[in-house]
Amino acid sequence: MLHDRPPGFWIAMSLMGMIVGTALGEGIASLLPDTASALKTFFAGGLDLGAGPLRIDLVIIRLAVEEIGLRVNLMSFVGLILVGVLYRWF
């Protein structure tokens, strides 16, 4: 059953889980009081990766992206596990 899915499906599921987890971590961190800085760092702190600026000029099309970024924190992996559990239920 699991082998019938194409690799793109698994990549999309992984990205969706990481996005949900990161959003969940940021939401929890925003609800915490300012005095709980250690908990805020635990839920919202993470690794920020970025690349930019990217410019492509192909005479008929010009594309400019100022920055492409990726933010991964501990809750990203929790979201990844959550999506995997939900997939097994459905």
N, C-alpha and C. Protein backbone atom coordinates (compact mmCIF):
# COMPACT_ATOMS: atom_id res chain seq x y z
N MET A 1 0.82 -1.19 0.00
CA MET A 1 0.00 0.00 0.00
C MET A 1 0.87 1.26 0.00
N LEU A 2 1.88 1.30 0.83
CA LEU A 2 2.72 2.49 0.90
C LEU A 2 3.63 2.62 -0.31
N HIS A 3 3.93 1.52 -0.98
CA HIS A 3 4.84 1.57 -2.11
C HIS A 3 4.17 2.02 -3.39
N ASP A 4 2.83 2.14 -3.38
CA ASP A 4 2.11 2.56 -4.57
C ASP A 4 2.18 4.07 -4.80
N ARG A 5 2.64 4.81 -3.83
CA ARG A 5 2.70 6.28 -3.95
C ARG A 5 3.99 6.72 -4.64
N PRO A 6 3.89 7.73 -5.50
CA PRO A 6 5.10 8.25 -6.16
C PRO A 6 5.96 9.04 -5.18
N PRO A 7 7.24 9.22 -5.49
CA PRO A 7 8.13 9.97 -4.59
C PRO A 7 7.68 11.42 -4.36
N GLY A 8 7.05 12.03 -5.34
CA GLY A 8 6.56 13.40 -5.17
C GLY A 8 5.53 13.52 -4.07
N PHE A 9 4.73 12.48 -3.89
CA PHE A 9 3.74 12.46 -2.82
C PHE A 9 4.43 12.52 -1.48
N TRP A 10 5.49 11.73 -1.30
CA TRP A 10 6.20 11.69 -0.02
C TRP A 10 6.92 13.00 0.25
N ILE A 11 7.44 13.62 -0.78
CA ILE A 11 8.09 14.91 -0.61
C ILE A 11 7.06 15.96 -0.20
N ALA A 12 5.90 15.96 -0.84
CA ALA A 12 4.83 16.91 -0.50
C ALA A 12 4.34 16.68 0.93
N MET A 13 4.18 15.43 1.33
CA MET A 13 3.74 15.13 2.69
C MET A 13 4.78 15.59 3.72
N SER A 14 6.05 15.41 3.41
CA SER A 14 7.12 15.84 4.32
C SER A 14 7.12 17.36 4.46
N LEU A 15 7.00 18.07 3.34
CA LEU A 15 6.97 19.53 3.40
C LEU A 15 5.74 20.03 4.15
N MET A 16 4.59 19.39 3.92
CA MET A 16 3.38 19.79 4.60
C MET A 16 3.52 19.58 6.11
N GLY A 17 4.10 18.47 6.51
CA GLY A 17 4.31 18.22 7.93
C GLY A 17 5.24 19.23 8.56
N MET A 18 6.30 19.59 7.85
CA MET A 18 7.23 20.56 8.39
C MET A 18 6.61 21.95 8.48
N ILE A 19 5.79 22.31 7.51
CA ILE A 19 5.12 23.60 7.54
C ILE A 19 4.13 23.67 8.70
N VAL A 20 3.35 22.60 8.88
CA VAL A 20 2.38 22.56 9.97
C VAL A 20 3.10 22.62 11.32
N GLY A 21 4.18 21.88 11.46
CA GLY A 21 4.93 21.88 12.71
C GLY A 21 5.53 23.23 13.03
N THR A 22 6.10 23.89 12.03
CA THR A 22 6.69 25.20 12.24
C THR A 22 5.62 26.21 12.61
N ALA A 23 4.48 26.18 11.94
CA ALA A 23 3.38 27.09 12.27
C ALA A 23 2.87 26.82 13.68
N LEU A 24 2.79 25.56 14.06
CA LEU A 24 2.34 25.20 15.40
C LEU A 24 3.33 25.72 16.45
N GLY A 25 4.61 25.56 16.21
CA GLY A 25 5.62 26.06 17.13
C GLY A 25 5.58 27.57 17.27
N GLU A 26 5.43 28.27 16.16
CA GLU A 26 5.34 29.72 16.20
C GLU A 26 4.08 30.17 16.94
N GLY A 27 2.97 29.45 16.72
CA GLY A 27 1.73 29.79 17.41
C GLY A 27 1.83 29.59 18.92
N ILE A 28 2.42 28.49 19.34
CA ILE A 28 2.60 28.23 20.76
C ILE A 28 3.51 29.29 21.37
N ALA A 29 4.59 29.64 20.68
CA ALA A 29 5.52 30.64 21.19
C ALA A 29 4.86 32.01 21.32
N SER A 30 3.95 32.34 20.43
CA SER A 30 3.30 33.65 20.51
C SER A 30 2.30 33.72 21.67
N LEU A 31 1.79 32.57 22.11
CA LEU A 31 0.86 32.55 23.24
C LEU A 31 1.56 32.60 24.59
N LEU A 32 2.82 32.27 24.64
CA LEU A 32 3.56 32.25 25.90
C LEU A 32 3.87 33.67 26.36
N PRO A 33 3.94 33.88 27.68
CA PRO A 33 4.29 35.23 28.17
C PRO A 33 5.75 35.55 27.89
N ASP A 34 6.08 36.83 27.96
CA ASP A 34 7.45 37.28 27.68
C ASP A 34 8.45 36.75 28.69
N THR A 35 7.99 36.41 29.87
CA THR A 35 8.91 35.92 30.91
C THR A 35 9.38 34.49 30.63
N ALA A 36 8.71 33.78 29.77
CA ALA A 36 9.07 32.39 29.45
C ALA A 36 9.96 32.35 28.22
N SER A 37 11.10 33.01 28.29
CA SER A 37 11.97 33.09 27.12
C SER A 37 12.58 31.74 26.75
N ALA A 38 12.84 30.89 27.72
CA ALA A 38 13.41 29.57 27.42
C ALA A 38 12.40 28.72 26.65
N LEU A 39 11.14 28.77 27.04
CA LEU A 39 10.11 28.02 26.32
C LEU A 39 9.88 28.59 24.93
N LYS A 40 9.93 29.91 24.81
CA LYS A 40 9.77 30.54 23.49
C LYS A 40 10.89 30.10 22.56
N THR A 41 12.10 30.04 23.09
CA THR A 41 13.23 29.59 22.28
C THR A 41 13.07 28.13 21.90
N PHE A 42 12.55 27.32 22.80
CA PHE A 42 12.34 25.90 22.53
C PHE A 42 11.34 25.70 21.40
N PHE A 43 10.21 26.41 21.45
CA PHE A 43 9.17 26.20 20.45
C PHE A 43 9.44 26.95 19.14
N ALA A 44 9.95 28.17 19.21
CA ALA A 44 10.07 28.98 18.00
C ALA A 44 11.50 29.10 17.49
N GLY A 45 12.47 28.84 18.36
CA GLY A 45 13.86 28.96 17.92
C GLY A 45 14.19 27.85 16.94
N GLY A 46 15.04 28.14 16.01
CA GLY A 46 15.37 27.12 15.02
C GLY A 46 16.50 27.56 14.13
N LEU A 47 16.59 26.90 13.03
CA LEU A 47 17.63 27.13 12.06
C LEU A 47 17.04 27.86 10.86
N ASP A 48 17.61 29.00 10.54
CA ASP A 48 17.16 29.77 9.38
C ASP A 48 18.20 29.64 8.28
N LEU A 49 17.77 29.13 7.15
CA LEU A 49 18.64 29.01 5.98
C LEU A 49 18.07 29.91 4.89
N GLY A 50 18.94 30.60 4.20
CA GLY A 50 18.45 31.48 3.15
C GLY A 50 19.45 31.62 2.02
N ALA A 51 18.93 31.90 0.86
CA ALA A 51 19.75 32.15 -0.31
C ALA A 51 19.12 33.29 -1.08
N GLY A 52 19.91 34.17 -1.56
CA GLY A 52 19.35 35.26 -2.34
C GLY A 52 20.44 36.27 -2.64
N PRO A 53 20.25 37.19 -3.44
CA PRO A 53 19.18 37.30 -4.43
C PRO A 53 19.45 36.42 -5.65
N LEU A 54 18.41 35.97 -6.25
CA LEU A 54 18.49 35.12 -7.43
C LEU A 54 17.89 35.89 -8.61
N ARG A 55 18.65 36.03 -9.66
CA ARG A 55 18.16 36.75 -10.84
C ARG A 55 18.40 35.90 -12.08
N ILE A 56 17.35 35.75 -12.87
CA ILE A 56 17.43 35.01 -14.13
C ILE A 56 16.88 35.92 -15.22
N ASP A 57 17.65 36.11 -16.27
CA ASP A 57 17.22 36.94 -17.39
C ASP A 57 17.35 36.12 -18.67
N LEU A 58 16.22 35.73 -19.24
CA LEU A 58 16.20 34.91 -20.45
C LEU A 58 15.60 35.67 -21.63
N VAL A 59 15.95 36.89 -21.81
CA VAL A 59 15.52 37.78 -22.88
C VAL A 59 14.00 37.96 -22.89
N ILE A 60 13.22 36.92 -23.00
CA ILE A 60 11.76 37.06 -23.05
C ILE A 60 11.14 37.02 -21.65
N ILE A 61 11.84 36.49 -20.69
CA ILE A 61 11.33 36.41 -19.30
C ILE A 61 12.44 36.85 -18.36
N ARG A 62 12.08 37.67 -17.41
CA ARG A 62 13.03 38.09 -16.38
C ARG A 62 12.42 37.73 -15.03
N LEU A 63 13.19 37.05 -14.22
CA LEU A 63 12.71 36.60 -12.92
C LEU A 63 13.71 37.06 -11.86
N ALA A 64 13.20 37.67 -10.81
CA ALA A 64 14.06 38.11 -9.71
C ALA A 64 13.41 37.69 -8.40
N VAL A 65 14.14 36.95 -7.61
CA VAL A 65 13.69 36.54 -6.29
C VAL A 65 14.68 37.13 -5.29
N GLU A 66 14.18 37.93 -4.38
CA GLU A 66 15.07 38.59 -3.43
C GLU A 66 15.67 37.61 -2.43
N GLU A 67 14.84 36.71 -1.90
CA GLU A 67 15.37 35.76 -0.93
C GLU A 67 14.49 34.52 -0.89
N ILE A 68 15.14 33.40 -0.82
CA ILE A 68 14.45 32.13 -0.62
C ILE A 68 14.93 31.62 0.73
N GLY A 69 13.99 31.35 1.62
CA GLY A 69 14.38 30.97 2.97
C GLY A 69 13.68 29.71 3.44
N LEU A 70 14.29 29.09 4.41
CA LEU A 70 13.75 27.88 5.02
C LEU A 70 13.98 28.00 6.52
N ARG A 71 12.93 27.78 7.29
CA ARG A 71 13.02 27.84 8.74
C ARG A 71 12.60 26.49 9.30
N VAL A 72 13.49 25.86 10.01
CA VAL A 72 13.23 24.54 10.58
C VAL A 72 13.47 24.63 12.08
N ASN A 73 12.50 24.15 12.87
CA ASN A 73 12.68 24.08 14.31
C ASN A 73 12.26 22.70 14.80
N LEU A 74 12.32 22.49 16.09
CA LEU A 74 11.99 21.20 16.66
C LEU A 74 10.55 20.80 16.36
N MET A 75 9.66 21.75 16.37
CA MET A 75 8.25 21.46 16.10
C MET A 75 8.03 21.04 14.65
N SER A 76 8.94 21.36 13.76
CA SER A 76 8.83 20.90 12.37
C SER A 76 8.85 19.38 12.33
N PHE A 77 9.69 18.78 13.15
CA PHE A 77 9.76 17.32 13.18
C PHE A 77 8.54 16.71 13.85
N VAL A 78 7.96 17.42 14.83
CA VAL A 78 6.71 16.97 15.44
C VAL A 78 5.60 16.98 14.39
N GLY A 79 5.55 18.01 13.57
CA GLY A 79 4.56 18.07 12.49
C GLY A 79 4.77 16.97 11.47
N LEU A 80 6.01 16.65 11.20
CA LEU A 80 6.33 15.56 10.28
C LEU A 80 5.80 14.23 10.82
N ILE A 81 5.99 13.99 12.09
CA ILE A 81 5.47 12.77 12.73
C ILE A 81 3.95 12.78 12.74
N LEU A 82 3.34 13.94 13.02
CA LEU A 82 1.88 14.05 13.05
C LEU A 82 1.27 13.73 11.69
N VAL A 83 1.84 14.24 10.62
CA VAL A 83 1.32 13.94 9.29
C VAL A 83 1.47 12.45 8.97
N GLY A 84 2.58 11.86 9.40
CA GLY A 84 2.77 10.42 9.19
C GLY A 84 1.73 9.59 9.93
N VAL A 85 1.41 9.98 11.14
CA VAL A 85 0.40 9.26 11.93
C VAL A 85 -0.98 9.44 11.29
N LEU A 86 -1.29 10.66 10.88
CA LEU A 86 -2.58 10.90 10.23
C LEU A 86 -2.71 10.12 8.92
N TYR A 87 -1.62 10.00 8.19
CA TYR A 87 -1.67 9.25 6.94
C TYR A 87 -1.97 7.78 7.22
N ARG A 88 -1.40 7.22 8.27
CA ARG A 88 -1.64 5.82 8.58
C ARG A 88 -3.07 5.56 9.02
N TRP A 89 -3.71 6.58 9.66
CA TRP A 89 -5.10 6.43 10.06
C TRP A 89 -6.04 6.48 8.87
N PHE A 90 -5.71 7.30 7.89
CA PHE A 90 -6.59 7.47 6.74
C PHE A 90 -5.94 6.80 5.56
